[in-house]
Amino acid sequence: MIDPVKIIKALIHTEKSTLSEPAGKYLFLVDNSANKIEIKAAVEQLYKVKVKCVNTLISQGKLRRVRYHLGKTPDLKKAVVTLKQGQKIEAAV
């Protein structure tokens, strides 16, 4: 298995993700090559919680222009992790 620290890049704190935390849902920035099983195992190992389900999404990078050259920002993979009843992630903001 891949190192959990390489799979989970960051816990995302936005207004939308903060509102879903009382329901037991947390938003993570994850490695693009990670699958749901690896993400579930990494969260359980890093935060010592039990995961109910994992939903993933890929945000496509945008095209950007710098003078005469076209470029593209990188694609980002995010995971919405739902914890089992009574579980909670304690994270300092």
C-alpha atoms as a PDB file:
ATOM      1  CA  MET A   1       0.000   0.000   0.000  1.00  0.00           C
ATOM      2  CA  ILE A   2       1.101   3.551  -0.687  1.00  0.00           C
ATOM      3  CA  ASP A   3       2.075   5.757   2.250  1.00  0.00           C
ATOM      4  CA  PRO A   4      -1.106   7.441   3.667  1.00  0.00           C
ATOM      5  CA  VAL A   5       0.666  10.804   3.843  1.00  0.00           C
ATOM      6  CA  LYS A   6       1.205  10.677   0.058  1.00  0.00           C
ATOM      7  CA  ILE A   7      -2.461   9.811  -0.597  1.00  0.00           C
ATOM      8  CA  ILE A   8      -4.048  12.475   1.656  1.00  0.00           C
ATOM      9  CA  LYS A   9      -2.573  15.841   0.717  1.00  0.00           C
ATOM     10  CA  ALA A  10      -4.763  18.186   2.773  1.00  0.00           C
ATOM     11  CA  LEU A  11      -8.012  18.596   4.660  1.00  0.00           C
ATOM     12  CA  ILE A  12      -9.955  21.300   2.816  1.00  0.00           C
ATOM     13  CA  HIS A  13     -11.630  23.964   4.971  1.00  0.00           C
ATOM     14  CA  THR A  14     -14.107  25.959   2.903  1.00  0.00           C
ATOM     15  CA  GLU A  15     -17.461  27.383   3.881  1.00  0.00           C
ATOM     16  CA  LYS A  16     -19.301  24.548   2.159  1.00  0.00           C
ATOM     17  CA  SER A  17     -17.132  21.813   3.684  1.00  0.00           C
ATOM     18  CA  THR A  18     -17.408  23.342   7.166  1.00  0.00           C
ATOM     19  CA  LEU A  19     -21.219  23.285   6.952  1.00  0.00           C
ATOM     20  CA  SER A  20     -21.182  19.552   6.150  1.00  0.00           C
ATOM     21  CA  GLU A  21     -18.914  18.601   9.080  1.00  0.00           C
ATOM     22  CA  PRO A  22     -21.780  18.179  11.638  1.00  0.00           C
ATOM     23  CA  ALA A  23     -23.195  15.517   9.276  1.00  0.00           C
ATOM     24  CA  GLY A  24     -19.880  13.660   9.460  1.00  0.00           C
ATOM     25  CA  LYS A  25     -18.638  14.609   5.975  1.00  0.00           C
ATOM     26  CA  TYR A  26     -15.087  15.888   5.444  1.00  0.00           C
ATOM     27  CA  LEU A  27     -13.430  17.108   2.232  1.00  0.00           C
ATOM     28  CA  PHE A  28      -9.870  16.048   1.414  1.00  0.00           C
ATOM     29  CA  LEU A  29      -7.467  16.898  -1.388  1.00  0.00           C
ATOM     30  CA  VAL A  30      -6.038  13.548  -2.508  1.00  0.00           C
ATOM     31  CA  ASP A  31      -3.530  12.145  -4.976  1.00  0.00           C
ATOM     32  CA  ASN A  32      -4.880  11.885  -8.539  1.00  0.00           C
ATOM     33  CA  SER A  33      -3.988   8.196  -8.817  1.00  0.00           C
ATOM     34  CA  ALA A  34      -5.582   7.128  -5.503  1.00  0.00           C
ATOM     35  CA  ASN A  35      -8.758   5.048  -5.555  1.00  0.00           C
ATOM     36  CA  LYS A  36     -11.589   4.955  -2.999  1.00  0.00           C
ATOM     37  CA  ILE A  37     -10.250   1.910  -1.154  1.00  0.00           C
ATOM     38  CA  GLU A  38      -6.823   3.498  -0.684  1.00  0.00           C
ATOM     39  CA  ILE A  39      -8.387   6.799   0.431  1.00  0.00           C
ATOM     40  CA  LYS A  40     -10.572   5.012   2.995  1.00  0.00           C
ATOM     41  CA  ALA A  41      -7.607   3.091   4.424  1.00  0.00           C
ATOM     42  CA  ALA A  42      -5.444   6.236   4.558  1.00  0.00           C
ATOM     43  CA  VAL A  43      -8.072   8.302   6.425  1.00  0.00           C
ATOM     44  CA  GLU A  44      -8.694   5.490   8.902  1.00  0.00           C
ATOM     45  CA  GLN A  45      -4.975   5.103   9.548  1.00  0.00           C
ATOM     46  CA  LEU A  46      -4.116   8.818   9.810  1.00  0.00           C
ATOM     47  CA  TYR A  47      -7.098  10.053  11.836  1.00  0.00           C
ATOM     48  CA  LYS A  48      -8.026   6.837  13.754  1.00  0.00           C
ATOM     49  CA  VAL A  49     -11.700   6.943  12.705  1.00  0.00           C
ATOM     50  CA  LYS A  50     -14.099   4.556  10.953  1.00  0.00           C
ATOM     51  CA  VAL A  51     -15.148   5.560   7.414  1.00  0.00           C
ATOM     52  CA  LYS A  52     -18.634   4.798   6.121  1.00  0.00           C
ATOM     53  CA  CYS A  53     -18.160   5.768   2.457  1.00  0.00           C
ATOM     54  CA  VAL A  54     -15.943   7.757   0.105  1.00  0.00           C
ATOM     55  CA  ASN A  55     -17.065   9.820  -2.886  1.00  0.00           C
ATOM     56  CA  THR A  56     -14.485  11.258  -5.274  1.00  0.00           C
ATOM     57  CA  LEU A  57     -14.498  13.989  -7.899  1.00  0.00           C
ATOM     58  CA  ILE A  58     -11.929  15.458 -10.255  1.00  0.00           C
ATOM     59  CA  SER A  59     -11.884  19.212 -10.809  1.00  0.00           C
ATOM     60  CA  GLN A  60     -10.504  19.860 -14.277  1.00  0.00           C
ATOM     61  CA  GLY A  61      -7.734  22.428 -14.521  1.00  0.00           C
ATOM     62  CA  LYS A  62      -8.458  25.716 -16.238  1.00  0.00           C
ATOM     63  CA  LEU A  63      -6.764  27.134 -19.295  1.00  0.00           C
ATOM     64  CA  ARG A  64      -4.653  30.161 -18.452  1.00  0.00           C
ATOM     65  CA  ARG A  65      -2.820  32.543 -20.708  1.00  0.00           C
ATOM     66  CA  VAL A  66       0.457  34.263 -19.938  1.00  0.00           C
ATOM     67  CA  ARG A  67       1.201  36.772 -22.668  1.00  0.00           C
ATOM     68  CA  TYR A  68       1.310  34.723 -25.877  1.00  0.00           C
ATOM     69  CA  HIS A  69       1.440  31.250 -24.375  1.00  0.00           C
ATOM     70  CA  LEU A  70      -1.448  29.059 -23.339  1.00  0.00           C
ATOM     71  CA  GLY A  71      -1.071  26.962 -20.217  1.00  0.00           C
ATOM     72  CA  LYS A  72      -3.237  24.828 -17.970  1.00  0.00           C
ATOM     73  CA  THR A  73      -3.540  24.608 -14.200  1.00  0.00           C
ATOM     74  CA  PRO A  74      -3.332  21.056 -12.795  1.00  0.00           C
ATOM     75  CA  ASP A  75      -6.340  18.806 -12.280  1.00  0.00           C
ATOM     76  CA  LEU A  76      -7.324  18.297  -8.637  1.00  0.00           C
ATOM     77  CA  LYS A  77      -8.891  15.187  -7.141  1.00  0.00           C
ATOM     78  CA  LYS A  78     -11.075  15.666  -4.075  1.00  0.00           C
ATOM     79  CA  ALA A  79     -12.681  13.099  -1.794  1.00  0.00           C
ATOM     80  CA  VAL A  80     -15.786  13.558   0.345  1.00  0.00           C
ATOM     81  CA  VAL A  81     -15.375  11.137   3.252  1.00  0.00           C
ATOM     82  CA  THR A  82     -18.429  10.235   5.328  1.00  0.00           C
ATOM     83  CA  LEU A  83     -17.661   8.919   8.796  1.00  0.00           C
ATOM     84  CA  LYS A  84     -19.698   6.417  10.771  1.00  0.00           C
ATOM     85  CA  GLN A  85     -22.119   7.658  13.439  1.00  0.00           C
ATOM     86  CA  GLY A  86     -20.344   9.174  16.438  1.00  0.00           C
ATOM     87  CA  GLN A  87     -16.953   9.563  14.700  1.00  0.00           C
ATOM     88  CA  LYS A  88     -15.267  12.954  14.414  1.00  0.00           C
ATOM     89  CA  ILE A  89     -11.978  14.337  13.062  1.00  0.00           C
ATOM     90  CA  GLU A  90     -10.242  16.769  15.371  1.00  0.00           C
ATOM     91  CA  ALA A  91      -8.265  19.158  13.178  1.00  0.00           C
ATOM     92  CA  ALA A  92      -6.706  22.492  14.105  1.00  0.00           C
ATOM     93  CA  VAL A  93      -7.666  25.244  11.703  1.00  0.00           C
END
